């Protein structure tokens, strides 16, 4: 999901995004269960590996309304949002004029090679196709410094068998809307993404946070 038409969906959602996420989290929604804790888990994973210094720079790709950006800034990191939706960018600026946010995507980051210390992302990567996800790892690797870190929390499955099993559980609970969301997006497979990160010279670890959300942490191995 990387075309202009798809981004228009997020333009329409921008003004009500935060409210809808709060309601979903409160209702223990399968997709947004523990949303706040998931964002905190991203921040803590970065803090374990990267000490904030004066010139430490973090990118938040697919920033939405900036919820993760503000958490990173509160921990002392200079954080720039990368968000393709103009309306989402406007929502960030309504919250604070001191936050930097630029147009861009996972596949086209407007930054120089080896120029950022860290990359974070939440609930955005699943909008890319399987091939685009693999391509995006290379693009993130391009802009990342050799001692940098990538931390992504998103909707994904360990492997195709786990996806099939989860859909079976959802069917038993009559959660057809969640199944439709899963089938309309390209949720990644942790195992195949592991291999791609490794092929590009990363050390990678994963942690399952909810039934549908995994956290991946990657650092260049050399």
C-alpha atoms as a PDB file:
ATOM      1  CA  UNK A   1       0.000   0.000   0.000  1.00  0.00           C
ATOM      2  CA  UNK A   2       2.284   2.746  -1.189  1.00  0.00           C
ATOM      3  CA  UNK A   3       0.404   4.613  -3.918  1.00  0.00           C
ATOM      4  CA  UNK A   4      -1.132   8.083  -3.738  1.00  0.00           C
ATOM      5  CA  UNK A   5      -4.666   6.692  -3.677  1.00  0.00           C
ATOM      6  CA  UNK A   6      -3.887   4.570  -0.620  1.00  0.00           C
ATOM      7  CA  UNK A   7      -2.417   7.558   1.227  1.00  0.00           C
ATOM      8  CA  UNK A   8      -5.723   9.376   0.740  1.00  0.00           C
ATOM      9  CA  UNK A   9      -7.290   6.832   3.109  1.00  0.00           C
ATOM     10  CA  UNK A  10      -5.016   8.097   5.859  1.00  0.00           C
ATOM     11  CA  UNK A  11      -5.788  11.713   5.000  1.00  0.00           C
ATOM     12  CA  UNK A  12      -9.457  10.944   5.684  1.00  0.00           C
ATOM     13  CA  UNK A  13      -8.639   9.101   8.905  1.00  0.00           C
ATOM     14  CA  UNK A  14      -6.210  11.689  10.304  1.00  0.00           C
ATOM     15  CA  UNK A  15      -8.633  13.883  12.279  1.00  0.00           C
ATOM     16  CA  UNK A  16     -10.229  10.918  14.087  1.00  0.00           C
ATOM     17  CA  UNK A  17      -7.204   8.600  14.286  1.00  0.00           C
ATOM     18  CA  UNK A  18      -6.260   9.191  17.921  1.00  0.00           C
ATOM     19  CA  UNK A  19      -9.856   8.901  19.125  1.00  0.00           C
ATOM     20  CA  UNK A  20     -10.447   5.672  17.220  1.00  0.00           C
ATOM     21  CA  UNK A  21      -7.238   4.124  18.568  1.00  0.00           C
ATOM     22  CA  UNK A  22      -8.142   5.082  22.154  1.00  0.00           C
ATOM     23  CA  UNK A  23     -11.546   3.452  21.783  1.00  0.00           C
ATOM     24  CA  UNK A  24     -10.060   0.326  20.198  1.00  0.00           C
ATOM     25  CA  UNK A  25      -7.450  -0.015  22.948  1.00  0.00           C
ATOM     26  CA  UNK A  26     -10.045   0.495  25.673  1.00  0.00           C
ATOM     27  CA  UNK A  27     -12.201  -2.219  24.117  1.00  0.00           C
ATOM     28  CA  UNK A  28      -9.227  -4.616  24.026  1.00  0.00           C
ATOM     29  CA  UNK A  29      -9.474  -4.765  20.235  1.00  0.00           C
ATOM     30  CA  UNK A  30      -7.381  -7.545  18.656  1.00  0.00           C
ATOM     31  CA  UNK A  31      -5.582  -5.135  16.332  1.00  0.00           C
ATOM     32  CA  UNK A  32      -4.861  -2.365  18.846  1.00  0.00           C
ATOM     33  CA  UNK A  33      -4.712  -4.270  22.119  1.00  0.00           C
ATOM     34  CA  UNK A  34      -2.056  -2.770  24.432  1.00  0.00           C
ATOM     35  CA  UNK A  35      -1.330  -0.010  21.905  1.00  0.00           C
ATOM     36  CA  UNK A  36       0.207   2.325  24.498  1.00  0.00           C
ATOM     37  CA  UNK A  37       2.392  -0.411  25.995  1.00  0.00           C
ATOM     38  CA  UNK A  38       3.544  -1.423  22.514  1.00  0.00           C
ATOM     39  CA  UNK A  39       4.783   2.101  21.818  1.00  0.00           C
ATOM     40  CA  UNK A  40       6.517   2.111  25.199  1.00  0.00           C
ATOM     41  CA  UNK A  41       8.149  -1.222  24.356  1.00  0.00           C
ATOM     42  CA  UNK A  42       9.655   0.344  21.223  1.00  0.00           C
ATOM     43  CA  UNK A  43      11.065   3.225  23.252  1.00  0.00           C
ATOM     44  CA  UNK A  44      12.513   0.909  25.888  1.00  0.00           C
ATOM     45  CA  UNK A  45      14.148  -1.301  23.251  1.00  0.00           C
ATOM     46  CA  UNK A  46      15.874   1.782  21.821  1.00  0.00           C
ATOM     47  CA  UNK A  47      16.919   2.982  25.278  1.00  0.00           C
ATOM     48  CA  UNK A  48      18.565  -0.378  26.004  1.00  0.00           C
ATOM     49  CA  UNK A  49      20.834  -0.023  22.986  1.00  0.00           C
ATOM     50  CA  UNK A  50      21.190   3.677  22.205  1.00  0.00           C
ATOM     51  CA  UNK A  51      22.030   6.428  24.700  1.00  0.00           C
ATOM     52  CA  UNK A  52      20.478   9.781  23.745  1.00  0.00           C
ATOM     53  CA  UNK A  53      23.151  12.381  23.053  1.00  0.00           C
ATOM     54  CA  UNK A  54      23.037  15.873  21.627  1.00  0.00           C
ATOM     55  CA  UNK A  55      23.251  14.787  17.984  1.00  0.00           C
ATOM     56  CA  UNK A  56      21.495  11.415  18.241  1.00  0.00           C
ATOM     57  CA  UNK A  57      18.889  11.264  15.476  1.00  0.00           C
ATOM     58  CA  UNK A  58      15.894   8.907  15.314  1.00  0.00           C
ATOM     59  CA  UNK A  59      13.496   8.518  12.391  1.00  0.00           C
ATOM     60  CA  UNK A  60       9.927   7.425  12.982  1.00  0.00           C
ATOM     61  CA  UNK A  61       8.639   5.988   9.707  1.00  0.00           C
ATOM     62  CA  UNK A  62       4.889   6.054   9.140  1.00  0.00           C
ATOM     63  CA  UNK A  63       4.420   8.465  12.019  1.00  0.00           C
ATOM     64  CA  UNK A  64       0.659   8.894  11.743  1.00  0.00           C
ATOM     65  CA  UNK A  65      -0.347  11.518  14.290  1.00  0.00           C
ATOM     66  CA  UNK A  66       3.020  11.364  16.040  1.00  0.00           C
ATOM     67  CA  UNK A  67       2.270   9.306  19.141  1.00  0.00           C
ATOM     68  CA  UNK A  68       5.575   7.437  18.980  1.00  0.00           C
ATOM     69  CA  UNK A  69       7.519  10.585  18.107  1.00  0.00           C
ATOM     70  CA  UNK A  70       6.453  12.284  21.331  1.00  0.00           C
ATOM     71  CA  UNK A  71       7.452   9.262  23.395  1.00  0.00           C
ATOM     72  CA  UNK A  72      10.901   9.240  21.806  1.00  0.00           C
ATOM     73  CA  UNK A  73      11.339  12.985  22.320  1.00  0.00           C
ATOM     74  CA  UNK A  74      10.314  12.616  25.978  1.00  0.00           C
ATOM     75  CA  UNK A  75      13.204  10.139  26.378  1.00  0.00           C
ATOM     76  CA  UNK A  76      15.685  12.715  25.067  1.00  0.00           C
ATOM     77  CA  UNK A  77      15.989  11.656  21.420  1.00  0.00           C
ATOM     78  CA  UNK A  78      15.870  14.110  18.550  1.00  0.00           C
ATOM     79  CA  UNK A  79      13.183  12.477  16.437  1.00  0.00           C
ATOM     80  CA  UNK A  80      12.023  13.292  12.913  1.00  0.00           C
ATOM     81  CA  UNK A  81       8.778  11.889  11.587  1.00  0.00           C
ATOM     82  CA  UNK A  82       8.559  10.420   8.088  1.00  0.00           C
ATOM     83  CA  UNK A  83       4.913  10.419   7.015  1.00  0.00           C
ATOM     84  CA  UNK A  84       3.437  10.345   3.493  1.00  0.00           C
ATOM     85  CA  UNK A  85      -0.034  11.643   4.435  1.00  0.00           C
ATOM     86  CA  UNK A  86      -0.276  15.455   4.448  1.00  0.00           C
ATOM     87  CA  UNK A  87      -3.236  15.381   6.824  1.00  0.00           C
ATOM     88  CA  UNK A  88      -1.416  13.148   9.282  1.00  0.00           C
ATOM     89  CA  UNK A  89       1.523  15.552   9.185  1.00  0.00           C
ATOM     90  CA  UNK A  90      -0.888  18.391   9.928  1.00  0.00           C
ATOM     91  CA  UNK A  91      -2.164  16.532  12.989  1.00  0.00           C
ATOM     92  CA  UNK A  92       1.379  16.232  14.315  1.00  0.00           C
ATOM     93  CA  UNK A  93       1.968  19.941  13.860  1.00  0.00           C
ATOM     94  CA  UNK A  94      -1.291  20.731  15.685  1.00  0.00           C
ATOM     95  CA  UNK A  95       0.134  18.926  18.703  1.00  0.00           C
ATOM     96  CA  UNK A  96       3.489  20.701  18.555  1.00  0.00           C
ATOM     97  CA  UNK A  97       5.215  23.124  16.216  1.00  0.00           C
ATOM     98  CA  UNK A  98       8.565  21.945  17.578  1.00  0.00           C
ATOM     99  CA  UNK A  99       8.372  18.508  15.960  1.00  0.00           C
ATOM    100  CA  UNK A 100       9.990  17.927  12.559  1.00  0.00           C
ATOM    101  CA  UNK A 101       8.052  15.739  10.131  1.00  0.00           C
ATOM    102  CA  UNK A 102       8.814  15.264   6.433  1.00  0.00           C
ATOM    103  CA  UNK A 103       7.144  13.494   3.489  1.00  0.00           C
ATOM    104  CA  UNK A 104       8.579  10.071   2.752  1.00  0.00           C
ATOM    105  CA  UNK A 105       8.009   6.330   2.916  1.00  0.00           C
ATOM    106  CA  UNK A 106       9.803   3.128   3.896  1.00  0.00           C
ATOM    107  CA  UNK A 107      10.885   2.841   0.268  1.00  0.00           C
ATOM    108  CA  UNK A 108      12.085   6.411  -0.149  1.00  0.00           C
ATOM    109  CA  UNK A 109      13.693   8.031   2.875  1.00  0.00           C
ATOM    110  CA  UNK A 110      14.799  11.645   2.275  1.00  0.00           C
ATOM    111  CA  UNK A 111      18.080  11.250   4.166  1.00  0.00           C
ATOM    112  CA  UNK A 112      21.726  10.727   3.278  1.00  0.00           C
ATOM    113  CA  UNK A 113      23.550   7.419   3.573  1.00  0.00           C
ATOM    114  CA  UNK A 114      24.718   6.528   7.099  1.00  0.00           C
ATOM    115  CA  UNK A 115      23.068   9.615   8.572  1.00  0.00           C
ATOM    116  CA  UNK A 116      20.694   8.405  11.320  1.00  0.00           C
ATOM    117  CA  UNK A 117      21.298   6.631  14.622  1.00  0.00           C
ATOM    118  CA  UNK A 118      18.005   4.850  14.896  1.00  0.00           C
ATOM    119  CA  UNK A 119      14.786   4.001  13.084  1.00  0.00           C
ATOM    120  CA  UNK A 120      11.488   3.207  14.776  1.00  0.00           C
ATOM    121  CA  UNK A 121       8.055   2.399  13.438  1.00  0.00           C
ATOM    122  CA  UNK A 122       4.688   1.236  14.745  1.00  0.00           C
ATOM    123  CA  UNK A 123       1.613  -0.096  12.958  1.00  0.00           C
ATOM    124  CA  UNK A 124       2.841   1.018   9.534  1.00  0.00           C
ATOM    125  CA  UNK A 125       5.004  -1.688   7.967  1.00  0.00           C
ATOM    126  CA  UNK A 126       2.055  -4.005   7.296  1.00  0.00           C
ATOM    127  CA  UNK A 127       0.805  -1.637   4.602  1.00  0.00           C
ATOM    128  CA  UNK A 128       3.706  -2.711   2.381  1.00  0.00           C
ATOM    129  CA  UNK A 129       3.592  -5.818   0.211  1.00  0.00           C
ATOM    130  CA  UNK A 130       5.946  -8.687   1.036  1.00  0.00           C
ATOM    131  CA  UNK A 131       8.403  -7.580  -1.657  1.00  0.00           C
ATOM    132  CA  UNK A 132       8.210  -3.963  -0.509  1.00  0.00           C
ATOM    133  CA  UNK A 133       8.972  -4.963   3.073  1.00  0.00           C
ATOM    134  CA  UNK A 134      12.135  -6.712   1.939  1.00  0.00           C
ATOM    135  CA  UNK A 135      13.119  -3.724  -0.188  1.00  0.00           C
ATOM    136  CA  UNK A 136      12.457  -1.363   2.717  1.00  0.00           C
ATOM    137  CA  UNK A 137      15.004  -3.173   4.897  1.00  0.00           C
ATOM    138  CA  UNK A 138      17.671  -2.234   2.368  1.00  0.00           C
ATOM    139  CA  UNK A 139      16.512   1.381   2.331  1.00  0.00           C
ATOM    140  CA  UNK A 140      16.619   1.557   6.120  1.00  0.00           C
ATOM    141  CA  UNK A 141      20.074  -0.022   6.064  1.00  0.00           C
ATOM    142  CA  UNK A 142      21.207   2.684   3.632  1.00  0.00           C
ATOM    143  CA  UNK A 143      20.450   5.612   5.947  1.00  0.00           C
ATOM    144  CA  UNK A 144      21.438   3.893   9.206  1.00  0.00           C
ATOM    145  CA  UNK A 145      24.839   4.441  10.816  1.00  0.00           C
ATOM    146  CA  UNK A 146      26.947   1.345  11.416  1.00  0.00           C
ATOM    147  CA  UNK A 147      26.169   1.344  15.144  1.00  0.00           C
ATOM    148  CA  UNK A 148      22.504   2.229  14.670  1.00  0.00           C
ATOM    149  CA  UNK A 149      19.336   0.399  15.591  1.00  0.00           C
ATOM    150  CA  UNK A 150      16.009  -0.416  13.959  1.00  0.00           C
ATOM    151  CA  UNK A 151      12.993  -1.184  16.154  1.00  0.00           C
ATOM    152  CA  UNK A 152       9.666  -2.020  14.540  1.00  0.00           C
ATOM    153  CA  UNK A 153       6.460  -3.145  16.222  1.00  0.00           C
ATOM    154  CA  UNK A 154       3.749  -4.214  13.843  1.00  0.00           C
ATOM    155  CA  UNK A 155       1.058  -6.687  12.939  1.00  0.00           C
ATOM    156  CA  UNK A 156       2.723  -9.881  11.729  1.00  0.00           C
ATOM    157  CA  UNK A 157       2.860 -13.649  12.162  1.00  0.00           C
ATOM    158  CA  UNK A 158       5.702 -16.008  12.991  1.00  0.00           C
ATOM    159  CA  UNK A 159       5.039 -18.007   9.802  1.00  0.00           C
ATOM    160  CA  UNK A 160       2.149 -19.002   7.476  1.00  0.00           C
ATOM    161  CA  UNK A 161       1.100 -21.837   9.809  1.00  0.00           C
ATOM    162  CA  UNK A 162       0.647 -19.387  12.691  1.00  0.00           C
ATOM    163  CA  UNK A 163      -1.415 -17.101  10.447  1.00  0.00           C
ATOM    164  CA  UNK A 164      -3.706 -19.994   9.553  1.00  0.00           C
ATOM    165  CA  UNK A 165      -4.028 -20.970  13.222  1.00  0.00           C
ATOM    166  CA  UNK A 166      -4.850 -17.390  14.272  1.00  0.00           C
ATOM    167  CA  UNK A 167      -7.484 -16.995  11.574  1.00  0.00           C
ATOM    168  CA  UNK A 168      -9.062 -20.218  12.841  1.00  0.00           C
ATOM    169  CA  UNK A 169      -9.255 -18.737  16.346  1.00  0.00           C
ATOM    170  CA  UNK A 170     -10.761 -15.528  14.981  1.00  0.00           C
ATOM    171  CA  UNK A 171     -13.394 -17.499  13.080  1.00  0.00           C
ATOM    172  CA  UNK A 172     -14.348 -19.338  16.263  1.00  0.00           C
ATOM    173  CA  UNK A 173     -14.883 -15.960  17.941  1.00  0.00           C
ATOM    174  CA  UNK A 174     -16.881 -14.585  14.961  1.00  0.00           C
ATOM    175  CA  UNK A 175     -14.325 -11.805  14.486  1.00  0.00           C
ATOM    176  CA  UNK A 176     -14.841 -11.557  10.749  1.00  0.00           C
ATOM    177  CA  UNK A 177     -13.853  -7.874  10.669  1.00  0.00           C
ATOM    178  CA  UNK A 178     -10.380  -8.722  12.007  1.00  0.00           C
ATOM    179  CA  UNK A 179     -10.023 -11.533   9.469  1.00  0.00           C
ATOM    180  CA  UNK A 180     -10.964  -9.137   6.661  1.00  0.00           C
ATOM    181  CA  UNK A 181      -8.331  -6.670   7.872  1.00  0.00           C
ATOM    182  CA  UNK A 182      -5.678  -9.404   7.934  1.00  0.00           C
ATOM    183  CA  UNK A 183      -6.599 -10.578   4.452  1.00  0.00           C
ATOM    184  CA  UNK A 184      -6.629  -7.030   3.050  1.00  0.00           C
ATOM    185  CA  UNK A 185      -3.052  -6.313   4.195  1.00  0.00           C
ATOM    186  CA  UNK A 186       0.296  -8.066   3.764  1.00  0.00           C
ATOM    187  CA  UNK A 187       1.109  -8.963   7.363  1.00  0.00           C
ATOM    188  CA  UNK A 188       4.747 -10.004   7.459  1.00  0.00           C
ATOM    189  CA  UNK A 189       6.230 -13.305   8.570  1.00  0.00           C
ATOM    190  CA  UNK A 190       8.827 -12.984  11.308  1.00  0.00           C
ATOM    191  CA  UNK A 191      10.888 -15.917  10.065  1.00  0.00           C
ATOM    192  CA  UNK A 192      11.295 -14.600   6.511  1.00  0.00           C
ATOM    193  CA  UNK A 193      12.015 -11.075   7.733  1.00  0.00           C
ATOM    194  CA  UNK A 194      14.681 -12.495  10.040  1.00  0.00           C
ATOM    195  CA  UNK A 195      16.411 -14.031   7.046  1.00  0.00           C
ATOM    196  CA  UNK A 196      16.337 -10.777   5.085  1.00  0.00           C
ATOM    197  CA  UNK A 197      17.748  -8.751   7.961  1.00  0.00           C
ATOM    198  CA  UNK A 198      20.470 -11.363   8.437  1.00  0.00           C
ATOM    199  CA  UNK A 199      21.297 -11.376   4.723  1.00  0.00           C
ATOM    200  CA  UNK A 200      21.836  -7.615   4.900  1.00  0.00           C
ATOM    201  CA  UNK A 201      24.244  -7.928   7.820  1.00  0.00           C
ATOM    202  CA  UNK A 202      22.001  -7.359  10.825  1.00  0.00           C
ATOM    203  CA  UNK A 203      21.767  -9.036  14.172  1.00  0.00           C
ATOM    204  CA  UNK A 204      18.047  -9.431  14.811  1.00  0.00           C
ATOM    205  CA  UNK A 205      15.840 -10.357  17.720  1.00  0.00           C
ATOM    206  CA  UNK A 206      12.071 -10.608  18.086  1.00  0.00           C
ATOM    207  CA  UNK A 207       9.453 -10.555  20.811  1.00  0.00           C
ATOM    208  CA  UNK A 208       5.745 -11.282  20.527  1.00  0.00           C
ATOM    209  CA  UNK A 209       3.778  -8.540  22.308  1.00  0.00           C
ATOM    210  CA  UNK A 210       0.167  -9.563  21.565  1.00  0.00           C
ATOM    211  CA  UNK A 211      -1.574 -12.184  19.449  1.00  0.00           C
ATOM    212  CA  UNK A 212      -1.005 -10.054  16.353  1.00  0.00           C
ATOM    213  CA  UNK A 213       1.879  -7.713  17.195  1.00  0.00           C
ATOM    214  CA  UNK A 214       5.593  -8.547  17.182  1.00  0.00           C
ATOM    215  CA  UNK A 215       8.560  -6.345  17.983  1.00  0.00           C
ATOM    216  CA  UNK A 216      11.722  -6.667  15.877  1.00  0.00           C
ATOM    217  CA  UNK A 217      15.027  -5.137  16.953  1.00  0.00           C
ATOM    218  CA  UNK A 218      17.937  -5.067  14.503  1.00  0.00           C
ATOM    219  CA  UNK A 219      21.483  -3.747  14.646  1.00  0.00           C
ATOM    220  CA  UNK A 220      24.219  -3.988  11.998  1.00  0.00           C
ATOM    221  CA  UNK A 221      26.556  -6.846  12.851  1.00  0.00           C
ATOM    222  CA  UNK A 222      29.599  -5.070  11.451  1.00  0.00           C
END
